[in-house]
Every structure is written in structure tokens, then in C-alpha cells.
Amino acid sequence: MNDINTETLGWDLIGWDSDEQAAHVTGLNRVEILRIRDLLPGRDDDFLETAVYEVPPALYSAMQGAIPHLEFREGLEYQIGGFLLRV
């Protein structure tokens, strides 16, 4: 694993509308990221901290199985990514 201080990281699952506006945002925590990270093909970081990853509709069911409170709204395109929290 990377030597990452996950206490300073945050994650969002963002649903983008056709106008490229963030229409649906769900914050995720470290435990949730650990549950879903292996579902994302092509990732090259342990905590999804260095890039934004597309979440195709084919993954929605598996992601909801890992994190039951996730909601995916019709007509939106979803991405997930990490960011550095203010410290």
C-alpha cells in the first residue's frame, strides 16, 4: 500500500448532469473506499487518491452491495475521486 495518511483524505461520488454540473454528490469515508476500490478497473492507487475514476452503470449494483446507502440517479454520469482535506 502507499504510505498515505488517509486521515487527510476525503472522497466524493459525483453524478454529473448533461450540462456538466455536479447534480448529485455523496461523501464517502475510508472504510467505504476500502470496500469498493477493487471494483474500479485500471486504478493505480490504493485509496483512489490520485485520480478521478469513472463509475459505469455496470458497477452500480456491486457498489450498492458494498455500500448500501449509495444512490445512483438516472441520467447522470458518475465519477469517484479523492481529495486532500484542509488540515
N, C-alpha and C. Protein backbone atom coordinates (compact mmCIF):
# COMPACT_ATOMS: atom_id res chain seq x y z
N MET A 1 0.83 -1.19 0.00
CA MET A 1 0.00 0.00 0.00
C MET A 1 0.87 1.25 0.00
N ASN A 2 0.32 2.31 -0.49
CA ASN A 2 1.01 3.59 -0.45
C ASN A 2 1.10 4.07 0.98
N ASP A 3 2.11 4.88 1.26
CA ASP A 3 2.22 5.49 2.58
C ASP A 3 1.38 6.76 2.59
N ILE A 4 0.08 6.59 2.65
CA ILE A 4 -0.87 7.70 2.59
C ILE A 4 -1.52 7.87 3.94
N ASN A 5 -1.58 9.11 4.41
CA ASN A 5 -2.31 9.41 5.64
C ASN A 5 -3.76 9.64 5.25
N THR A 6 -4.57 8.61 5.40
CA THR A 6 -5.97 8.71 4.96
C THR A 6 -6.79 9.63 5.85
N GLU A 7 -6.25 10.04 6.97
CA GLU A 7 -6.96 11.00 7.83
C GLU A 7 -7.07 12.36 7.15
N THR A 8 -6.22 12.63 6.18
CA THR A 8 -6.25 13.92 5.49
C THR A 8 -6.92 13.82 4.12
N LEU A 9 -7.54 12.68 3.82
CA LEU A 9 -8.21 12.49 2.54
C LEU A 9 -9.72 12.45 2.71
N GLY A 10 -10.41 12.91 1.69
CA GLY A 10 -11.86 12.79 1.60
C GLY A 10 -12.19 12.25 0.22
N TRP A 11 -13.38 11.73 0.06
CA TRP A 11 -13.79 11.16 -1.23
C TRP A 11 -15.23 11.56 -1.53
N ASP A 12 -15.51 11.74 -2.81
CA ASP A 12 -16.86 12.03 -3.26
C ASP A 12 -17.22 11.13 -4.44
N LEU A 13 -18.45 10.70 -4.45
CA LEU A 13 -19.07 10.08 -5.61
C LEU A 13 -19.94 11.19 -6.20
N ILE A 14 -19.64 11.59 -7.43
CA ILE A 14 -20.31 12.74 -8.04
C ILE A 14 -21.06 12.30 -9.29
N GLY A 15 -22.34 12.67 -9.35
CA GLY A 15 -23.16 12.44 -10.54
C GLY A 15 -23.25 13.74 -11.32
N TRP A 16 -22.79 13.70 -12.56
CA TRP A 16 -22.77 14.88 -13.42
C TRP A 16 -23.95 14.86 -14.37
N ASP A 17 -24.59 16.02 -14.55
CA ASP A 17 -25.71 16.10 -15.49
C ASP A 17 -25.20 16.46 -16.88
N SER A 18 -26.12 16.60 -17.83
CA SER A 18 -25.73 16.86 -19.22
C SER A 18 -25.11 18.24 -19.42
N ASP A 19 -25.29 19.14 -18.45
CA ASP A 19 -24.66 20.46 -18.50
C ASP A 19 -23.33 20.48 -17.76
N GLU A 20 -22.83 19.30 -17.40
CA GLU A 20 -21.57 19.14 -16.68
C GLU A 20 -21.59 19.82 -15.32
N GLN A 21 -22.77 19.80 -14.69
CA GLN A 21 -22.93 20.31 -13.33
C GLN A 21 -22.99 19.12 -12.36
N ALA A 22 -22.39 19.29 -11.19
CA ALA A 22 -22.45 18.25 -10.16
C ALA A 22 -23.86 18.24 -9.57
N ALA A 23 -24.68 17.32 -10.04
CA ALA A 23 -26.09 17.28 -9.67
C ALA A 23 -26.37 16.39 -8.46
N HIS A 24 -25.44 15.51 -8.12
CA HIS A 24 -25.65 14.58 -7.01
C HIS A 24 -24.27 14.22 -6.44
N VAL A 25 -24.04 14.58 -5.18
CA VAL A 25 -22.74 14.34 -4.55
C VAL A 25 -22.95 13.55 -3.26
N THR A 26 -22.18 12.48 -3.12
CA THR A 26 -22.21 11.66 -1.91
C THR A 26 -20.80 11.56 -1.36
N GLY A 27 -20.61 12.00 -0.13
CA GLY A 27 -19.31 11.88 0.53
C GLY A 27 -19.09 10.44 0.99
N LEU A 28 -17.86 9.98 0.86
CA LEU A 28 -17.50 8.63 1.28
C LEU A 28 -16.37 8.68 2.29
N ASN A 29 -16.28 7.65 3.12
CA ASN A 29 -15.19 7.60 4.10
C ASN A 29 -14.20 6.49 3.75
N ARG A 30 -13.14 6.41 4.52
CA ARG A 30 -12.06 5.45 4.26
C ARG A 30 -12.57 4.01 4.21
N VAL A 31 -13.41 3.63 5.15
CA VAL A 31 -13.93 2.26 5.19
C VAL A 31 -14.71 1.95 3.92
N GLU A 32 -15.50 2.90 3.45
CA GLU A 32 -16.28 2.69 2.23
C GLU A 32 -15.36 2.57 1.01
N ILE A 33 -14.32 3.38 0.96
CA ILE A 33 -13.37 3.30 -0.15
C ILE A 33 -12.71 1.92 -0.19
N LEU A 34 -12.35 1.41 0.98
CA LEU A 34 -11.74 0.08 1.03
C LEU A 34 -12.70 -1.00 0.51
N ARG A 35 -13.99 -0.79 0.67
CA ARG A 35 -14.99 -1.77 0.20
C ARG A 35 -15.15 -1.77 -1.31
N ILE A 36 -14.93 -0.63 -1.95
CA ILE A 36 -15.23 -0.53 -3.39
C ILE A 36 -14.01 -0.36 -4.29
N ARG A 37 -12.86 -0.08 -3.74
CA ARG A 37 -11.71 0.26 -4.60
C ARG A 37 -11.38 -0.82 -5.62
N ASP A 38 -11.51 -2.09 -5.25
CA ASP A 38 -11.16 -3.15 -6.18
C ASP A 38 -12.18 -3.34 -7.30
N LEU A 39 -13.32 -2.68 -7.19
CA LEU A 39 -14.33 -2.75 -8.25
C LEU A 39 -13.95 -1.87 -9.44
N LEU A 40 -13.07 -0.91 -9.21
CA LEU A 40 -12.74 0.06 -10.26
C LEU A 40 -11.56 -0.43 -11.09
N PRO A 41 -11.81 -0.74 -12.35
CA PRO A 41 -10.73 -1.24 -13.20
C PRO A 41 -9.73 -0.13 -13.53
N GLY A 42 -8.50 -0.50 -13.63
CA GLY A 42 -7.48 0.45 -14.05
C GLY A 42 -6.98 1.40 -12.99
N ARG A 43 -7.39 1.22 -11.75
CA ARG A 43 -6.90 2.13 -10.72
C ARG A 43 -5.44 1.80 -10.42
N ASP A 44 -4.68 2.82 -10.08
CA ASP A 44 -3.27 2.61 -9.78
C ASP A 44 -2.89 3.16 -8.41
N ASP A 45 -3.88 3.36 -7.56
CA ASP A 45 -3.62 3.85 -6.21
C ASP A 45 -4.53 3.12 -5.23
N ASP A 46 -4.04 2.91 -4.03
CA ASP A 46 -4.77 2.11 -3.05
C ASP A 46 -6.02 2.79 -2.50
N PHE A 47 -6.00 4.10 -2.42
CA PHE A 47 -7.12 4.81 -1.80
C PHE A 47 -7.83 5.76 -2.76
N LEU A 48 -7.67 5.54 -4.06
CA LEU A 48 -8.33 6.37 -5.08
C LEU A 48 -8.02 7.84 -4.86
N GLU A 49 -6.79 8.12 -4.43
CA GLU A 49 -6.44 9.48 -4.05
C GLU A 49 -5.77 10.28 -5.15
N THR A 50 -5.33 9.65 -6.23
CA THR A 50 -4.54 10.38 -7.21
C THR A 50 -5.25 10.63 -8.53
N ALA A 51 -6.48 10.20 -8.66
CA ALA A 51 -7.18 10.38 -9.92
C ALA A 51 -8.69 10.34 -9.69
N VAL A 52 -9.41 10.69 -10.72
CA VAL A 52 -10.87 10.57 -10.72
C VAL A 52 -11.19 9.37 -11.60
N TYR A 53 -12.07 8.51 -11.10
CA TYR A 53 -12.40 7.29 -11.81
C TYR A 53 -13.86 7.29 -12.22
N GLU A 54 -14.10 6.94 -13.49
CA GLU A 54 -15.47 6.81 -13.99
C GLU A 54 -16.12 5.60 -13.35
N VAL A 55 -17.39 5.75 -13.00
CA VAL A 55 -18.17 4.64 -12.45
C VAL A 55 -19.26 4.31 -13.47
N PRO A 56 -19.04 3.28 -14.28
CA PRO A 56 -20.04 2.93 -15.30
C PRO A 56 -21.26 2.27 -14.67
N PRO A 57 -22.42 2.37 -15.32
CA PRO A 57 -23.64 1.77 -14.79
C PRO A 57 -23.50 0.29 -14.46
N ALA A 58 -22.63 -0.42 -15.14
CA ALA A 58 -22.44 -1.85 -14.86
C ALA A 58 -21.92 -2.09 -13.44
N LEU A 59 -21.33 -1.07 -12.81
CA LEU A 59 -20.80 -1.21 -11.44
C LEU A 59 -21.78 -0.77 -10.36
N TYR A 60 -22.87 -0.14 -10.72
CA TYR A 60 -23.78 0.42 -9.71
C TYR A 60 -24.24 -0.63 -8.70
N SER A 61 -24.68 -1.77 -9.18
CA SER A 61 -25.20 -2.81 -8.30
C SER A 61 -24.13 -3.32 -7.34
N ALA A 62 -22.94 -3.58 -7.84
CA ALA A 62 -21.85 -4.06 -6.99
C ALA A 62 -21.47 -3.01 -5.95
N MET A 63 -21.46 -1.75 -6.35
CA MET A 63 -21.12 -0.68 -5.41
C MET A 63 -22.19 -0.55 -4.33
N GLN A 64 -23.45 -0.67 -4.72
CA GLN A 64 -24.53 -0.62 -3.72
C GLN A 64 -24.50 -1.83 -2.81
N GLY A 65 -24.03 -2.96 -3.30
CA GLY A 65 -23.87 -4.13 -2.46
C GLY A 65 -22.81 -3.92 -1.40
N ALA A 66 -21.77 -3.18 -1.75
CA ALA A 66 -20.68 -2.89 -0.81
C ALA A 66 -21.02 -1.73 0.12
N ILE A 67 -21.78 -0.76 -0.40
CA ILE A 67 -22.16 0.43 0.37
C ILE A 67 -23.65 0.66 0.13
N PRO A 68 -24.51 0.06 0.95
CA PRO A 68 -25.96 0.08 0.70
C PRO A 68 -26.60 1.47 0.58
N HIS A 69 -26.05 2.49 1.21
CA HIS A 69 -26.70 3.80 1.16
C HIS A 69 -26.44 4.55 -0.15
N LEU A 70 -25.58 4.02 -1.02
CA LEU A 70 -25.32 4.71 -2.28
C LEU A 70 -26.56 4.75 -3.14
N GLU A 71 -26.72 5.88 -3.80
CA GLU A 71 -27.84 6.07 -4.72
C GLU A 71 -27.29 6.56 -6.05
N PHE A 72 -27.79 5.99 -7.12
CA PHE A 72 -27.41 6.42 -8.46
C PHE A 72 -28.67 6.90 -9.15
N ARG A 73 -28.64 8.13 -9.62
CA ARG A 73 -29.82 8.73 -10.26
C ARG A 73 -29.74 8.60 -11.77
N GLU A 74 -30.87 8.31 -12.36
CA GLU A 74 -30.95 8.14 -13.80
C GLU A 74 -30.57 9.43 -14.51
N GLY A 75 -29.86 9.29 -15.61
CA GLY A 75 -29.49 10.43 -16.43
C GLY A 75 -28.20 11.11 -16.02
N LEU A 76 -27.56 10.64 -14.95
CA LEU A 76 -26.30 11.23 -14.50
C LEU A 76 -25.15 10.29 -14.81
N GLU A 77 -23.99 10.88 -15.04
CA GLU A 77 -22.76 10.10 -15.23
C GLU A 77 -21.93 10.27 -13.97
N TYR A 78 -21.48 9.14 -13.40
CA TYR A 78 -20.83 9.17 -12.09
C TYR A 78 -19.32 8.99 -12.17
N GLN A 79 -18.65 9.68 -11.25
CA GLN A 79 -17.21 9.56 -11.05
C GLN A 79 -16.95 9.53 -9.56
N ILE A 80 -15.81 8.93 -9.20
CA ILE A 80 -15.39 8.91 -7.81
C ILE A 80 -13.93 9.34 -7.74
N GLY A 81 -13.61 10.09 -6.72
CA GLY A 81 -12.23 10.52 -6.57
C GLY A 81 -11.95 11.04 -5.18
N GLY A 82 -10.68 11.10 -4.87
CA GLY A 82 -10.24 11.58 -3.57
C GLY A 82 -9.70 12.99 -3.65
N PHE A 83 -9.63 13.61 -2.50
CA PHE A 83 -9.09 14.97 -2.42
C PHE A 83 -8.48 15.17 -1.05
N LEU A 84 -7.60 16.12 -0.95
CA LEU A 84 -6.94 16.44 0.31
C LEU A 84 -7.82 17.37 1.12
N LEU A 85 -8.09 16.97 2.36
CA LEU A 85 -8.86 17.81 3.27
C LEU A 85 -7.97 18.92 3.82
N ARG A 86 -8.56 19.99 4.19
CA ARG A 86 -7.79 21.06 4.86
C ARG A 86 -7.36 20.55 6.22
N VAL A 87 -6.13 20.82 6.55
CA VAL A 87 -5.63 20.40 7.87
C VAL A 87 -5.09 21.59 8.63
